[in-house]
Protein backbone atom coordinates (compact mmCIF):
# COMPACT_ATOMS: atom_id res chain seq x y z
CA UNK A 1 0.00 0.00 0.00
CA UNK A 2 1.05 3.66 -0.30
CA UNK A 3 2.23 5.87 2.54
CA UNK A 4 -1.28 7.31 2.79
CA UNK A 5 -3.52 5.84 5.44
CA UNK A 6 -6.40 4.02 3.75
CA UNK A 7 -9.65 2.92 5.43
CA UNK A 8 -13.16 1.97 4.38
CA UNK A 9 -15.49 4.96 4.20
CA UNK A 10 -18.66 3.14 3.16
CA UNK A 11 -20.00 0.25 1.14
CA UNK A 12 -23.00 0.22 -1.16
CA UNK A 13 -25.30 -2.45 -2.49
CA UNK A 14 -27.80 -2.00 -5.31
CA UNK A 15 -31.33 -2.82 -4.16
CA UNK A 16 -34.82 -2.81 -5.62
CA UNK A 17 -36.41 0.57 -6.45
CA UNK A 18 -37.61 2.28 -3.31
CA UNK A 19 -35.33 0.08 -1.18
CA UNK A 20 -37.90 -2.36 0.24
CA UNK A 21 -34.86 -4.08 1.79
CA UNK A 22 -34.69 -1.16 4.22
CA UNK A 23 -37.71 -2.61 6.02
CA UNK A 24 -35.59 -5.60 7.08
CA UNK A 25 -32.91 -3.30 8.48
CA UNK A 26 -35.54 -1.38 10.40
CA UNK A 27 -36.96 -4.60 11.87
CA UNK A 28 -33.41 -5.55 12.85
CA UNK A 29 -33.15 -2.33 14.85
CA UNK A 30 -31.12 -0.20 12.44
CA UNK A 31 -32.20 3.36 11.79
CA UNK A 32 -31.89 5.44 8.65
CA UNK A 33 -29.28 8.20 8.88
CA UNK A 34 -29.77 10.17 5.66
CA UNK A 35 -30.84 10.01 2.02
CA UNK A 36 -29.38 11.56 -1.08
CA UNK A 37 -30.32 11.90 -4.74
CA UNK A 38 -27.49 11.79 -7.32
CA UNK A 39 -28.62 14.27 -10.01
CA UNK A 40 -27.38 13.32 -13.46
CA UNK A 41 -26.29 9.84 -12.36
CA UNK A 42 -29.79 8.39 -12.21
CA UNK A 43 -29.54 6.93 -8.71
CA UNK A 44 -30.65 7.68 -5.18
CA UNK A 45 -29.90 6.12 -1.81
CA UNK A 46 -30.67 5.60 1.85
CA UNK A 47 -27.73 5.32 4.25
CA UNK A 48 -27.14 3.76 7.67
CA UNK A 49 -24.23 5.22 9.61
CA UNK A 50 -22.03 3.35 12.04
CA UNK A 51 -19.28 5.01 14.05
CA UNK A 52 -16.51 4.50 11.50
CA UNK A 53 -18.30 3.93 8.18
CA UNK A 54 -21.76 3.56 6.66
CA UNK A 55 -23.90 1.22 4.60
CA UNK A 56 -25.57 2.67 1.51
CA UNK A 57 -28.56 1.12 -0.22
CA UNK A 58 -28.66 2.45 -3.78
CA UNK A 59 -31.18 2.06 -6.58
CA UNK A 60 -31.87 3.31 -10.09
CA UNK A 61 -34.40 6.09 -10.67
CA UNK A 62 -33.47 7.30 -14.17
CA UNK A 63 -32.15 4.77 -16.69
CA UNK A 64 -31.52 7.49 -19.27
CA UNK A 65 -29.09 9.22 -16.94
CA UNK A 66 -27.46 5.88 -16.09
CA UNK A 67 -26.87 5.35 -19.81
CA UNK A 68 -25.39 8.82 -20.38
CA UNK A 69 -21.80 9.10 -21.70
CA UNK A 70 -20.57 10.47 -18.35
CA UNK A 71 -21.95 7.56 -16.33
CA UNK A 72 -21.56 4.64 -18.76
CA UNK A 73 -17.88 3.92 -17.87
CA UNK A 74 -18.91 3.14 -14.28
CA UNK A 75 -21.14 0.29 -15.49
CA UNK A 76 -23.65 1.39 -12.85
CA UNK A 77 -26.54 0.50 -15.17
CA UNK A 78 -25.41 -3.14 -15.27
CA UNK A 79 -24.80 -3.05 -11.54
CA UNK A 80 -28.27 -1.70 -10.85
CA UNK A 81 -29.73 -4.59 -12.89
CA UNK A 82 -27.29 -7.13 -11.42
CA UNK A 83 -29.87 -9.89 -11.05
CA UNK A 84 -30.19 -10.11 -14.83
CA UNK A 85 -26.73 -8.93 -15.96
CA UNK A 86 -24.51 -10.88 -13.56
CA UNK A 87 -22.73 -7.68 -12.51
CA UNK A 88 -21.59 -7.03 -8.97
CA UNK A 89 -24.15 -5.09 -6.91
CA UNK A 90 -21.44 -3.89 -4.51
CA UNK A 91 -19.30 -0.81 -4.15
CA UNK A 92 -16.45 -0.16 -1.74
CA UNK A 93 -15.50 3.45 -1.01
CA UNK A 94 -12.14 4.19 0.55
CA UNK A 95 -10.98 7.14 2.64
CA UNK A 96 -7.41 8.34 2.46
CA UNK A 97 -5.47 10.36 4.97
CA UNK A 98 -4.48 12.95 3.92
CA UNK A 99 -7.81 13.28 2.05
CA UNK A 100 -6.32 14.04 -1.37
CA UNK A 101 -3.71 11.28 -1.23
CA UNK A 102 -3.88 8.89 -4.19
CA UNK A 103 -5.14 5.37 -3.79
CA UNK A 104 -2.45 2.68 -3.79
CA UNK A 105 -3.38 1.46 -7.27
CA UNK A 106 -4.17 2.88 -10.68
CA UNK A 107 -7.41 4.84 -11.12
CA UNK A 108 -9.40 6.78 -13.68
CA UNK A 109 -11.34 9.96 -12.91
CA UNK A 110 -15.12 9.72 -12.89
CA UNK A 111 -16.65 13.13 -13.49
CA UNK A 112 -19.76 12.41 -11.47
CA UNK A 113 -22.57 14.74 -12.63
CA UNK A 114 -23.70 15.43 -9.05
CA UNK A 115 -20.32 16.75 -7.89
CA UNK A 116 -19.25 20.40 -8.16
CA UNK A 117 -17.46 21.33 -11.36
CA UNK A 118 -13.83 20.30 -11.30
CA UNK A 119 -14.21 17.53 -8.72
CA UNK A 120 -13.85 13.91 -9.73
CA UNK A 121 -13.98 10.48 -8.11
CA UNK A 122 -10.91 8.26 -8.58
CA UNK A 123 -12.11 4.77 -9.59
CA UNK A 124 -10.03 1.59 -9.74
CA UNK A 125 -9.33 0.36 -13.26
CA UNK A 126 -10.74 -3.05 -12.27
CA UNK A 127 -14.18 -1.45 -11.86
CA UNK A 128 -14.55 -1.25 -15.63
CA UNK A 129 -15.31 -4.97 -15.34
CA UNK A 130 -18.90 -4.98 -14.01
CA UNK A 131 -18.52 -8.35 -12.29
CA UNK A 132 -15.93 -6.78 -9.99
CA UNK A 133 -17.15 -4.45 -7.22
CA UNK A 134 -17.07 -0.72 -7.86
CA UNK A 135 -13.94 0.39 -6.00
CA UNK A 136 -13.26 4.11 -5.55
CA UNK A 137 -12.03 6.89 -3.30
CA UNK A 138 -14.89 8.55 -1.47
CA UNK A 139 -15.47 12.29 -1.71
CA UNK A 140 -15.83 12.13 2.09
CA UNK A 141 -12.76 12.23 4.31
CA UNK A 142 -13.84 11.66 7.93
CA UNK A 143 -15.68 9.02 9.97
CA UNK A 144 -19.42 9.47 10.62
CA UNK A 145 -18.79 9.86 14.36
CA UNK A 146 -16.76 12.98 13.47
CA UNK A 147 -19.33 14.59 11.19
CA UNK A 148 -20.55 17.97 12.39
CA UNK A 149 -23.59 18.44 10.12
CA UNK A 150 -25.95 16.10 11.99
CA UNK A 151 -26.44 13.68 9.08
CA UNK A 152 -25.12 10.71 11.05
CA UNK A 153 -27.65 11.21 13.84
CA UNK A 154 -27.22 8.71 16.66
CA UNK A 155 -25.78 6.24 14.14
CA UNK A 156 -26.77 2.68 15.16
CA UNK A 157 -26.23 3.09 18.85
CA UNK A 158 -29.92 2.43 19.52
CA UNK A 159 -29.38 -1.08 18.15
CA UNK A 160 -26.28 -1.49 20.29
CA UNK A 161 -24.00 -1.45 17.24
CA UNK A 162 -20.73 0.45 16.99
CA UNK A 163 -18.49 -0.09 13.95
CA UNK A 164 -18.21 -1.98 10.69
CA UNK A 165 -15.34 -4.00 12.08
CA UNK A 166 -14.65 -6.24 9.08
CA UNK A 167 -15.71 -6.82 5.49
CA UNK A 168 -15.73 -10.20 3.76
CA UNK A 169 -16.34 -10.12 0.01
CA UNK A 170 -17.26 -13.25 -1.93
CA UNK A 171 -17.01 -13.25 -5.71
CA UNK A 172 -18.96 -15.58 -8.04
CA UNK A 173 -17.39 -18.95 -8.86
CA UNK A 174 -14.84 -18.74 -11.66
CA UNK A 175 -14.15 -15.01 -11.26
CA UNK A 176 -10.64 -14.13 -10.13
CA UNK A 177 -10.40 -11.28 -7.65
CA UNK A 178 -8.95 -8.07 -9.04
CA UNK A 179 -5.39 -7.16 -8.10
CA UNK A 180 -6.69 -4.05 -6.32
CA UNK A 181 -8.87 -6.21 -4.06
CA UNK A 182 -5.94 -8.43 -3.25
CA UNK A 183 -3.96 -5.33 -2.25
CA UNK A 184 -6.72 -4.34 0.15
CA UNK A 185 -6.79 -7.86 1.55
CA UNK A 186 -3.04 -7.76 2.15
CA UNK A 187 -3.52 -4.45 3.95
CA UNK A 188 -6.12 -6.01 6.26
CA UNK A 189 -9.05 -3.92 5.00
CA UNK A 190 -11.10 -6.90 3.81
CA UNK A 191 -11.01 -10.62 3.19
CA UNK A 192 -11.87 -12.42 -0.03
CA UNK A 193 -13.63 -15.65 -0.86
CA UNK A 194 -15.95 -17.33 -3.34
CA UNK A 195 -19.72 -17.42 -2.98
CA UNK A 196 -21.29 -20.57 -4.37
CA UNK A 197 -24.59 -18.79 -5.03
CA UNK A 198 -23.15 -15.58 -6.46
CA UNK A 199 -21.62 -12.37 -5.13
CA UNK A 200 -21.98 -11.76 -1.42
CA UNK A 201 -20.72 -9.30 1.17
CA UNK A 202 -20.68 -9.94 4.91
CA UNK A 203 -20.24 -7.00 7.27
CA UNK A 204 -19.04 -7.73 10.79
CA UNK A 205 -20.67 -5.22 13.13
CA UNK A 206 -19.11 -4.65 16.54
CA UNK A 207 -21.31 -4.17 19.61
CA UNK A 208 -21.15 -1.25 22.00
CA UNK A 209 -21.23 -3.78 24.82
CA UNK A 210 -18.13 -5.49 23.51
CA UNK A 211 -20.00 -8.79 23.14
CA UNK A 212 -19.84 -11.15 20.16
CA UNK A 213 -20.22 -9.20 16.90
CA UNK A 214 -23.11 -9.54 14.48
CA UNK A 215 -22.62 -10.36 10.81
CA UNK A 216 -24.89 -8.84 8.21
CA UNK A 217 -25.09 -10.69 4.88
CA UNK A 218 -25.79 -8.80 1.65
CA UNK A 219 -27.56 -8.75 -0.80
CA UNK A 220 -29.97 -11.16 0.90
CA UNK A 221 -30.24 -9.00 4.06
CA UNK A 222 -29.96 -11.52 6.84
CA UNK A 223 -27.80 -12.29 9.84
CA UNK A 224 -24.93 -14.63 9.04
CA UNK A 225 -23.14 -17.11 11.33
């Protein structure tokens, strides 16, 4: 890895329009932190903050925008329709310290339509392959428990949850993990495996009480052993 300090800022998963999956999170005790529309990208989201990172549920709202020349290189359209395209529904956003430090692997600049003019999102070259997760540097630079704008709310403390302590990513059978993912695994930011029934992400959530952690399985939205 580079000399910059790299950590996970947030992860996203593409869900059904309107995010009906959010109802499961609510029943599990999690509480919505904030929502955001991505003008020009054709997506919107609902986010659940933990102390150190957050989970983003994203879905398509405008397929014309998703197919625009600016957005097409991200392959977000295929990702949004992952159940029929075989693309990865997952994204992994990284924070760097200092904030403008480069990621420890090659990237291309995504001129996201919803960002101010002149700002871009560095995206790993491997993300041009839609079966690989969308790997990028987040525009954000600090943990949710350090935000000062109130968006994080009480995070998930009401559910007794503290941090996203670990991330395990499973790729479909026969798909080799990208070199960038292997770099992150070597740095201890995630672990890699193969999911027999397709792509899967398991988030290990630490408890405020310090008891045994919980493991949230995506995209099926259930607790995992």
